Amino acid sequence: MLALVASVCLVLPSGASIVDAFREPECERCAGNRGIEYAVVAGAPVVSGLRGSITFAGRVARRNYVVVRAAADSRVRVTYGGLATVSVARGDVLRTGDVLGTAGAMLHVGMRVGEAYVDPGGGWVRAAPHDAAARPRYRVTLGTVPSEACAR
């Protein structure tokens, strides 16, 4: 059976240095970095890199987080962590570029498809045809607005 593959466009911060890249853990509870850590200007606006809805906005271990579920594919969730302030609430509907809050000294951007963490900076595609599980494709652009590639 062929499964439908959705496309999700994710815009990542521009002008920010990556200080800790994605490192896939060897097991569910093993060490790794389940996202990308950026050095950003504290107080700068943090914007949503995709269209979707807020599934979580709050504190975890004394850090502010916002989780956005992609409108294009509900299996895809993008997490923004290390925010100094949060200006959205659970249930809010977002467009790409809508402000989520302001940055702390570091910004974490993580991405999950279902329960699997994936590299938000990598443009991975669906599994081989023999694998029945379809995975969404996504295009990554740098900047605060989607490129023309994301409009397709």
N, C-alpha and C. Protein backbone atom coordinates (compact mmCIF):
# COMPACT_ATOMS: atom_id res chain seq x y z
N MET A 1 0.84 -1.18 0.00
CA MET A 1 0.00 0.00 0.00
C MET A 1 0.89 1.24 0.00
N LEU A 2 0.58 2.17 -0.87
CA LEU A 2 1.32 3.42 -0.90
C LEU A 2 0.70 4.40 0.06
N ALA A 3 1.52 5.07 0.79
CA ALA A 3 1.02 6.06 1.74
C ALA A 3 1.33 7.45 1.21
N LEU A 4 0.47 8.39 1.53
CA LEU A 4 0.65 9.77 1.11
C LEU A 4 1.78 10.41 1.89
N VAL A 5 2.61 11.18 1.19
CA VAL A 5 3.71 11.88 1.84
C VAL A 5 3.40 13.37 1.79
N ALA A 6 3.31 14.00 2.95
CA ALA A 6 3.06 15.43 3.02
C ALA A 6 4.37 16.18 2.97
N SER A 7 4.31 17.45 2.66
CA SER A 7 5.50 18.28 2.64
C SER A 7 5.34 19.39 3.67
N VAL A 8 6.35 19.58 4.49
CA VAL A 8 6.34 20.60 5.52
C VAL A 8 7.51 21.53 5.26
N CYS A 9 7.27 22.83 5.27
CA CYS A 9 8.34 23.79 5.08
C CYS A 9 8.71 24.36 6.45
N LEU A 10 9.98 24.26 6.80
CA LEU A 10 10.45 24.76 8.09
C LEU A 10 11.48 25.84 7.86
N VAL A 11 11.23 27.03 8.40
CA VAL A 11 12.17 28.14 8.31
C VAL A 11 12.97 28.18 9.60
N LEU A 12 14.30 28.10 9.48
CA LEU A 12 15.18 28.14 10.65
C LEU A 12 15.75 29.54 10.82
N PRO A 13 16.22 29.87 12.03
CA PRO A 13 16.76 31.21 12.26
C PRO A 13 17.93 31.54 11.33
N SER A 14 17.96 32.78 10.85
CA SER A 14 19.11 33.22 10.06
C SER A 14 19.96 34.13 10.92
N GLY A 15 21.22 34.24 10.58
CA GLY A 15 22.12 35.10 11.33
C GLY A 15 22.45 34.59 12.72
N ALA A 16 22.10 33.37 13.01
CA ALA A 16 22.37 32.77 14.32
C ALA A 16 23.40 31.66 14.13
N SER A 17 24.33 31.58 15.04
CA SER A 17 25.37 30.55 14.97
C SER A 17 24.88 29.27 15.63
N ILE A 18 25.13 28.15 14.98
CA ILE A 18 24.82 26.86 15.57
C ILE A 18 25.94 26.53 16.55
N VAL A 19 25.59 26.33 17.80
CA VAL A 19 26.60 26.00 18.81
C VAL A 19 26.57 24.53 19.19
N ASP A 20 25.48 23.85 18.89
CA ASP A 20 25.39 22.42 19.16
C ASP A 20 24.42 21.82 18.14
N ALA A 21 24.94 21.06 17.21
CA ALA A 21 24.13 20.48 16.14
C ALA A 21 23.35 19.27 16.63
N PHE A 22 22.41 18.83 15.83
CA PHE A 22 21.62 17.64 16.13
C PHE A 22 22.54 16.43 16.22
N ARG A 23 22.38 15.65 17.28
CA ARG A 23 23.10 14.39 17.44
C ARG A 23 22.07 13.34 17.84
N GLU A 24 21.77 12.43 16.94
CA GLU A 24 20.76 11.42 17.22
C GLU A 24 21.23 10.50 18.35
N PRO A 25 20.41 10.32 19.38
CA PRO A 25 20.79 9.40 20.45
C PRO A 25 20.74 7.95 19.96
N GLU A 26 21.56 7.11 20.57
CA GLU A 26 21.61 5.71 20.18
C GLU A 26 20.37 4.94 20.63
N CYS A 27 19.72 5.41 21.68
CA CYS A 27 18.50 4.77 22.17
C CYS A 27 17.57 5.85 22.70
N GLU A 28 16.36 5.48 23.04
CA GLU A 28 15.35 6.44 23.49
C GLU A 28 15.81 7.29 24.67
N ARG A 29 16.54 6.69 25.60
CA ARG A 29 16.97 7.42 26.79
C ARG A 29 18.47 7.74 26.80
N CYS A 30 19.14 7.50 25.68
CA CYS A 30 20.58 7.77 25.58
C CYS A 30 20.85 9.26 25.37
N ALA A 31 22.09 9.64 25.66
CA ALA A 31 22.51 11.04 25.46
C ALA A 31 22.52 11.39 23.98
N GLY A 32 22.32 12.64 23.70
CA GLY A 32 22.35 13.17 22.33
C GLY A 32 21.75 14.57 22.37
N ASN A 33 21.70 15.21 21.25
CA ASN A 33 21.02 16.50 21.15
C ASN A 33 19.88 16.32 20.17
N ARG A 34 18.68 16.39 20.66
CA ARG A 34 17.49 16.11 19.88
C ARG A 34 16.99 17.34 19.14
N GLY A 35 17.89 18.23 18.81
CA GLY A 35 17.55 19.44 18.07
C GLY A 35 18.82 20.19 17.74
N ILE A 36 18.68 21.47 17.46
CA ILE A 36 19.81 22.33 17.15
C ILE A 36 19.79 23.47 18.16
N GLU A 37 20.97 23.78 18.73
CA GLU A 37 21.10 24.90 19.66
C GLU A 37 21.74 26.06 18.90
N TYR A 38 21.08 27.21 18.95
CA TYR A 38 21.58 28.42 18.29
C TYR A 38 21.98 29.45 19.33
N ALA A 39 23.08 30.17 19.08
CA ALA A 39 23.42 31.35 19.85
C ALA A 39 22.68 32.51 19.19
N VAL A 40 21.82 33.15 19.93
CA VAL A 40 20.99 34.22 19.38
C VAL A 40 21.12 35.47 20.24
N VAL A 41 20.61 36.57 19.75
CA VAL A 41 20.60 37.81 20.51
C VAL A 41 19.47 37.73 21.53
N ALA A 42 19.81 37.82 22.80
CA ALA A 42 18.79 37.76 23.85
C ALA A 42 17.78 38.89 23.64
N GLY A 43 16.51 38.54 23.75
CA GLY A 43 15.44 39.51 23.59
C GLY A 43 14.92 39.63 22.17
N ALA A 44 15.61 39.03 21.22
CA ALA A 44 15.15 39.07 19.82
C ALA A 44 13.87 38.26 19.67
N PRO A 45 12.98 38.66 18.77
CA PRO A 45 11.76 37.87 18.57
C PRO A 45 12.08 36.49 18.02
N VAL A 46 11.36 35.49 18.51
CA VAL A 46 11.45 34.13 17.98
C VAL A 46 10.16 33.89 17.22
N VAL A 47 10.30 33.54 15.94
CA VAL A 47 9.12 33.38 15.10
C VAL A 47 8.92 31.91 14.73
N SER A 48 7.68 31.57 14.45
CA SER A 48 7.35 30.22 14.03
C SER A 48 7.94 29.96 12.66
N GLY A 49 8.58 28.81 12.51
CA GLY A 49 9.17 28.44 11.23
C GLY A 49 8.23 27.67 10.34
N LEU A 50 6.96 27.54 10.74
CA LEU A 50 5.99 26.80 9.93
C LEU A 50 4.58 27.19 10.34
N ARG A 51 3.62 26.85 9.46
CA ARG A 51 2.21 27.04 9.78
C ARG A 51 1.76 25.90 10.68
N GLY A 52 0.92 26.20 11.65
CA GLY A 52 0.43 25.13 12.52
C GLY A 52 -0.30 25.67 13.72
N SER A 53 -0.39 24.83 14.74
CA SER A 53 -1.09 25.23 15.97
C SER A 53 -0.22 24.89 17.18
N ILE A 54 -0.41 25.66 18.24
CA ILE A 54 0.36 25.47 19.46
C ILE A 54 -0.24 24.31 20.25
N THR A 55 0.62 23.31 20.55
CA THR A 55 0.16 22.18 21.37
C THR A 55 0.68 22.30 22.80
N PHE A 56 1.73 23.12 23.00
CA PHE A 56 2.25 23.35 24.34
C PHE A 56 2.95 24.70 24.36
N ALA A 57 2.72 25.44 25.42
CA ALA A 57 3.43 26.71 25.66
C ALA A 57 3.58 26.83 27.17
N GLY A 58 4.80 26.68 27.67
CA GLY A 58 4.99 26.75 29.11
C GLY A 58 6.41 26.39 29.52
N ARG A 59 6.56 26.14 30.81
CA ARG A 59 7.89 25.87 31.39
C ARG A 59 8.10 24.38 31.63
N VAL A 60 9.33 23.95 31.33
CA VAL A 60 9.79 22.61 31.64
C VAL A 60 11.20 22.79 32.20
N ALA A 61 11.41 22.32 33.42
CA ALA A 61 12.72 22.43 34.07
C ALA A 61 13.25 23.86 34.02
N ARG A 62 12.40 24.80 34.37
CA ARG A 62 12.74 26.23 34.44
C ARG A 62 13.11 26.87 33.11
N ARG A 63 12.72 26.24 32.00
CA ARG A 63 12.94 26.82 30.67
C ARG A 63 11.61 26.93 29.96
N ASN A 64 11.42 28.01 29.21
CA ASN A 64 10.20 28.20 28.43
C ASN A 64 10.29 27.45 27.10
N TYR A 65 9.21 26.75 26.77
CA TYR A 65 9.12 26.00 25.52
C TYR A 65 7.80 26.29 24.82
N VAL A 66 7.83 26.20 23.50
CA VAL A 66 6.63 26.27 22.67
C VAL A 66 6.73 25.13 21.67
N VAL A 67 5.64 24.38 21.51
CA VAL A 67 5.59 23.29 20.54
C VAL A 67 4.52 23.61 19.52
N VAL A 68 4.91 23.54 18.23
CA VAL A 68 4.00 23.83 17.12
C VAL A 68 3.77 22.54 16.34
N ARG A 69 2.49 22.17 16.16
CA ARG A 69 2.14 21.02 15.32
C ARG A 69 1.89 21.55 13.91
N ALA A 70 2.55 20.94 12.91
CA ALA A 70 2.48 21.41 11.52
C ALA A 70 1.07 21.28 10.96
N ALA A 71 0.63 22.30 10.26
CA ALA A 71 -0.67 22.26 9.59
C ALA A 71 -0.64 21.27 8.42
N ALA A 72 0.51 21.16 7.76
CA ALA A 72 0.62 20.30 6.58
C ALA A 72 0.63 18.81 6.92
N ASP A 73 1.08 18.46 8.12
CA ASP A 73 1.13 17.06 8.53
C ASP A 73 1.13 17.01 10.05
N SER A 74 0.06 16.52 10.63
CA SER A 74 -0.11 16.57 12.09
C SER A 74 0.89 15.69 12.84
N ARG A 75 1.64 14.85 12.14
CA ARG A 75 2.67 14.04 12.81
C ARG A 75 3.90 14.87 13.15
N VAL A 76 4.06 16.01 12.49
CA VAL A 76 5.26 16.83 12.64
C VAL A 76 5.04 17.88 13.72
N ARG A 77 5.97 17.88 14.70
CA ARG A 77 5.96 18.89 15.77
C ARG A 77 7.33 19.52 15.86
N VAL A 78 7.35 20.85 15.98
CA VAL A 78 8.61 21.58 16.12
C VAL A 78 8.60 22.24 17.50
N THR A 79 9.69 22.04 18.24
CA THR A 79 9.83 22.58 19.59
C THR A 79 10.83 23.73 19.59
N TYR A 80 10.44 24.82 20.23
CA TYR A 80 11.32 25.97 20.44
C TYR A 80 11.56 26.07 21.94
N GLY A 81 12.81 26.01 22.36
CA GLY A 81 13.13 26.04 23.79
C GLY A 81 14.12 27.13 24.13
N GLY A 82 14.12 27.50 25.40
CA GLY A 82 15.03 28.53 25.87
C GLY A 82 14.51 29.94 25.62
N LEU A 83 13.21 30.08 25.46
CA LEU A 83 12.63 31.40 25.24
C LEU A 83 12.63 32.19 26.55
N ALA A 84 12.92 33.48 26.45
CA ALA A 84 12.87 34.34 27.63
C ALA A 84 11.42 34.64 27.99
N THR A 85 10.60 34.89 26.95
CA THR A 85 9.17 35.12 27.15
C THR A 85 8.40 34.32 26.12
N VAL A 86 7.15 34.02 26.43
CA VAL A 86 6.26 33.30 25.53
C VAL A 86 5.03 34.18 25.31
N SER A 87 4.67 34.38 24.04
CA SER A 87 3.53 35.25 23.73
C SER A 87 2.39 34.51 23.04
N VAL A 88 2.40 33.18 23.10
CA VAL A 88 1.34 32.36 22.51
C VAL A 88 0.77 31.43 23.58
N ALA A 89 -0.34 30.81 23.27
CA ALA A 89 -0.97 29.87 24.21
C ALA A 89 -1.42 28.63 23.45
N ARG A 90 -1.61 27.57 24.18
CA ARG A 90 -2.08 26.31 23.59
C ARG A 90 -3.37 26.57 22.82
N GLY A 91 -3.41 26.02 21.60
CA GLY A 91 -4.59 26.18 20.75
C GLY A 91 -4.47 27.30 19.74
N ASP A 92 -3.53 28.23 19.93
CA ASP A 92 -3.35 29.31 18.96
C ASP A 92 -2.97 28.73 17.61
N VAL A 93 -3.49 29.34 16.54
CA VAL A 93 -3.17 28.94 15.17
C VAL A 93 -2.17 29.95 14.62
N LEU A 94 -1.11 29.44 13.99
CA LEU A 94 -0.01 30.30 13.54
C LEU A 94 0.22 30.21 12.04
N ARG A 95 0.76 31.30 11.53
CA ARG A 95 1.32 31.31 10.18
C ARG A 95 2.84 31.35 10.33
N THR A 96 3.55 30.98 9.29
CA THR A 96 5.00 31.10 9.30
C THR A 96 5.36 32.56 9.55
N GLY A 97 6.25 32.79 10.51
CA GLY A 97 6.68 34.15 10.80
C GLY A 97 5.97 34.79 11.98
N ASP A 98 4.91 34.16 12.50
CA ASP A 98 4.23 34.71 13.68
C ASP A 98 5.16 34.61 14.89
N VAL A 99 5.14 35.62 15.74
CA VAL A 99 6.02 35.68 16.91
C VAL A 99 5.53 34.71 17.99
N LEU A 100 6.48 33.90 18.50
CA LEU A 100 6.19 32.96 19.58
C LEU A 100 6.57 33.55 20.94
N GLY A 101 7.55 34.45 20.94
CA GLY A 101 8.06 35.05 22.17
C GLY A 101 9.39 35.69 21.88
N THR A 102 10.21 35.84 22.92
CA THR A 102 11.54 36.41 22.74
C THR A 102 12.59 35.39 23.15
N ALA A 103 13.77 35.55 22.58
CA ALA A 103 14.86 34.60 22.81
C ALA A 103 15.58 34.87 24.12
N GLY A 104 16.06 33.79 24.72
CA GLY A 104 17.02 33.88 25.80
C GLY A 104 18.39 33.95 25.15
N ALA A 105 19.44 33.53 25.83
CA ALA A 105 20.79 33.54 25.26
C ALA A 105 20.98 32.46 24.21
N MET A 106 20.23 31.36 24.33
CA MET A 106 20.32 30.24 23.39
C MET A 106 18.91 29.88 22.96
N LEU A 107 18.79 29.36 21.74
CA LEU A 107 17.49 28.91 21.23
C LEU A 107 17.64 27.47 20.78
N HIS A 108 16.77 26.61 21.30
CA HIS A 108 16.73 25.20 20.89
C HIS A 108 15.60 25.04 19.89
N VAL A 109 15.89 24.39 18.75
CA VAL A 109 14.85 24.05 17.77
C VAL A 109 14.94 22.55 17.56
N GLY A 110 13.87 21.84 17.92
CA GLY A 110 13.81 20.39 17.75
C GLY A 110 12.65 20.02 16.87
N MET A 111 12.71 18.84 16.27
CA MET A 111 11.64 18.39 15.39
C MET A 111 11.36 16.92 15.62
N ARG A 112 10.05 16.60 15.70
CA ARG A 112 9.63 15.21 15.84
C ARG A 112 8.63 14.86 14.76
N VAL A 113 8.74 13.63 14.29
CA VAL A 113 7.74 13.08 13.39
C VAL A 113 7.18 11.87 14.12
N GLY A 114 5.94 11.97 14.54
CA GLY A 114 5.40 10.95 15.44
C GLY A 114 6.17 11.04 16.73
N GLU A 115 6.79 9.96 17.15
CA GLU A 115 7.59 9.97 18.37
C GLU A 115 9.09 10.02 18.09
N ALA A 116 9.47 10.04 16.82
CA ALA A 116 10.89 10.03 16.46
C ALA A 116 11.43 11.45 16.31
N TYR A 117 12.58 11.70 16.94
CA TYR A 117 13.27 12.97 16.76
C TYR A 117 14.04 12.92 15.45
N VAL A 118 13.98 14.01 14.69
CA VAL A 118 14.71 14.09 13.43
C VAL A 118 15.50 15.39 13.41
N ASP A 119 16.48 15.45 12.55
CA ASP A 119 17.32 16.64 12.44
C ASP A 119 16.54 17.74 11.75
N PRO A 120 16.25 18.85 12.44
CA PRO A 120 15.48 19.91 11.81
C PRO A 120 16.26 20.62 10.69
N GLY A 121 17.55 20.43 10.63
CA GLY A 121 18.34 21.06 9.59
C GLY A 121 18.64 20.17 8.41
N GLY A 122 18.13 18.91 8.47
CA GLY A 122 18.46 17.94 7.44
C GLY A 122 17.36 17.80 6.43
N GLY A 123 17.18 17.70 5.31
CA GLY A 123 15.97 17.55 4.47
C GLY A 123 15.69 16.11 4.18
N TRP A 124 15.50 15.33 5.21
CA TRP A 124 15.28 13.89 5.00
C TRP A 124 13.97 13.65 4.30
N VAL A 125 13.86 12.50 3.65
CA VAL A 125 12.66 12.17 2.88
C VAL A 125 12.11 10.83 3.35
N ARG A 126 10.99 10.45 2.78
CA ARG A 126 10.29 9.24 3.21
C ARG A 126 11.16 8.00 3.12
N ALA A 127 10.75 7.01 3.86
CA ALA A 127 11.48 5.74 3.90
C ALA A 127 11.44 5.07 2.54
N ALA A 128 12.31 4.09 2.36
CA ALA A 128 12.36 3.33 1.12
C ALA A 128 10.99 2.70 0.85
N PRO A 129 10.67 2.42 -0.43
CA PRO A 129 9.34 1.90 -0.77
C PRO A 129 8.92 0.65 -0.01
N HIS A 130 9.88 -0.17 0.43
CA HIS A 130 9.49 -1.38 1.15
C HIS A 130 9.02 -1.08 2.57
N ASP A 131 9.30 0.12 3.05
CA ASP A 131 8.87 0.53 4.39
C ASP A 131 7.48 1.15 4.28
N ALA A 132 6.50 0.58 4.94
CA ALA A 132 5.12 1.03 4.81
C ALA A 132 4.88 2.38 5.47
N ALA A 133 5.76 2.80 6.37
CA ALA A 133 5.55 4.06 7.08
C ALA A 133 6.02 5.23 6.23
N ALA A 134 5.09 6.09 5.85
CA ALA A 134 5.46 7.28 5.09
C ALA A 134 5.96 8.34 6.04
N ARG A 135 6.97 9.06 5.62
CA ARG A 135 7.51 10.14 6.43
C ARG A 135 7.39 11.43 5.62
N PRO A 136 7.01 12.52 6.25
CA PRO A 136 6.87 13.75 5.49
C PRO A 136 8.21 14.29 5.03
N ARG A 137 8.21 14.91 3.88
CA ARG A 137 9.40 15.60 3.41
C ARG A 137 9.30 17.03 3.89
N TYR A 138 10.43 17.69 4.04
CA TYR A 138 10.37 19.10 4.34
C TYR A 138 11.53 19.81 3.69
N ARG A 139 11.32 21.08 3.40
CA ARG A 139 12.37 21.92 2.85
C ARG A 139 12.77 22.89 3.94
N VAL A 140 14.06 23.08 4.11
CA VAL A 140 14.57 24.00 5.11
C VAL A 140 15.08 25.25 4.41
N THR A 141 14.67 26.40 4.91
CA THR A 141 15.19 27.66 4.39
C THR A 141 15.75 28.44 5.56
N LEU A 142 16.65 29.35 5.27
CA LEU A 142 17.20 30.21 6.32
C LEU A 142 16.57 31.58 6.19
N GLY A 143 16.12 32.14 7.27
CA GLY A 143 15.51 33.45 7.24
C GLY A 143 14.25 33.48 8.06
N THR A 144 13.60 34.60 8.06
CA THR A 144 12.40 34.74 8.87
C THR A 144 11.13 34.65 8.04
N VAL A 145 11.28 34.53 6.73
CA VAL A 145 10.11 34.35 5.87
C VAL A 145 10.38 33.18 4.94
N PRO A 146 9.34 32.46 4.52
CA PRO A 146 9.56 31.32 3.65
C PRO A 146 10.06 31.76 2.28
N SER A 147 10.90 30.94 1.70
CA SER A 147 11.38 31.21 0.35
C SER A 147 10.30 30.78 -0.64
N GLU A 148 10.52 31.08 -1.92
CA GLU A 148 9.56 30.64 -2.93
C GLU A 148 9.45 29.13 -2.95
N ALA A 149 10.54 28.42 -2.61
CA ALA A 149 10.52 26.95 -2.60
C ALA A 149 9.49 26.44 -1.62
N CYS A 150 9.29 27.17 -0.52
CA CYS A 150 8.33 26.74 0.49
C CYS A 150 6.90 27.03 0.06
N ALA A 151 6.72 27.92 -0.88
CA ALA A 151 5.37 28.28 -1.32
C ALA A 151 4.78 27.19 -2.21
N ARG A 152 5.65 26.32 -2.73
CA ARG A 152 5.16 25.27 -3.63
C ARG A 152 4.55 24.13 -2.88
